[in-house]
Protein backbone atom coordinates (compact mmCIF):
# COMPACT_ATOMS: atom_id res chain seq x y z
CA MET A 1 -3.58 130.85 6.19
CA PHE A 2 -2.31 131.70 2.58
CA GLU A 3 -1.06 128.34 1.70
CA ARG A 4 -5.35 127.07 2.71
CA ILE A 5 -6.08 130.15 0.18
CA ARG A 6 -4.58 128.60 -2.31
CA LYS A 7 -5.27 125.69 -0.96
CA SER A 8 -8.68 126.52 -2.02
CA ILE A 9 -8.20 128.25 -4.77
CA ALA A 10 -6.06 125.69 -6.93
CA LYS A 11 -8.75 123.13 -5.56
CA ARG A 12 -11.48 125.38 -7.40
CA ALA A 13 -10.08 125.51 -10.12
CA ARG A 14 -10.11 121.70 -10.98
CA TYR A 15 -13.57 121.07 -9.79
CA GLN A 16 -14.48 123.98 -12.26
CA ARG A 17 -12.09 122.16 -15.33
CA MET A 18 -13.56 118.51 -14.14
CA VAL A 19 -16.81 120.06 -14.91
CA SER A 20 -16.80 122.03 -17.91
CA GLU A 21 -14.49 118.83 -19.36
CA ILE A 22 -18.31 116.52 -18.24
CA ASP A 23 -20.57 119.77 -19.20
CA GLY A 24 -19.00 119.06 -22.76
CA LEU A 25 -20.00 115.05 -22.80
CA THR A 26 -22.37 114.35 -25.47
CA ASP A 27 -25.34 111.93 -24.60
CA ARG A 28 -23.36 109.55 -26.85
CA ASP A 29 -20.35 109.97 -25.80
CA LEU A 30 -22.39 109.36 -22.31
CA ALA A 31 -23.80 106.31 -24.12
CA ASP A 32 -20.43 105.43 -25.40
CA PHE A 33 -19.16 104.24 -22.20
CA ASN A 34 -22.35 103.73 -20.57
CA GLY A 35 -21.97 107.09 -18.55
CA ASN A 36 -24.47 109.03 -16.45
CA ARG A 37 -24.08 113.13 -15.54
CA ASP A 38 -24.58 113.05 -12.17
CA GLU A 39 -22.49 110.10 -11.20
CA MET A 40 -20.15 111.94 -13.32
CA LEU A 41 -20.30 115.05 -11.31
CA ARG A 42 -20.20 113.73 -8.35
CA ALA A 43 -17.36 112.13 -9.20
CA ALA A 44 -15.59 114.88 -9.72
CA TYR A 45 -17.33 116.73 -6.98
CA GLU A 46 -15.84 113.63 -3.96
CA ALA A 47 -12.52 113.12 -5.90
CA VAL A 48 -11.38 116.91 -5.08
CA TYR A 49 -12.60 117.90 -1.94
CA GLU A 50 -12.55 114.33 -0.31
CA ARG A 51 -16.29 113.63 1.01
């Protein structure tokens, strides 16, 4: 039980770090590599939560 909770907390922390990094990108940064913030956030969620 505690292992599952620990893993859940670790996933949440990882996802929040990724969201912070993505939110920190400027529109110019995104344009430099043809990025789309919404797609990046979705990909981050899928990477962390395997969905």
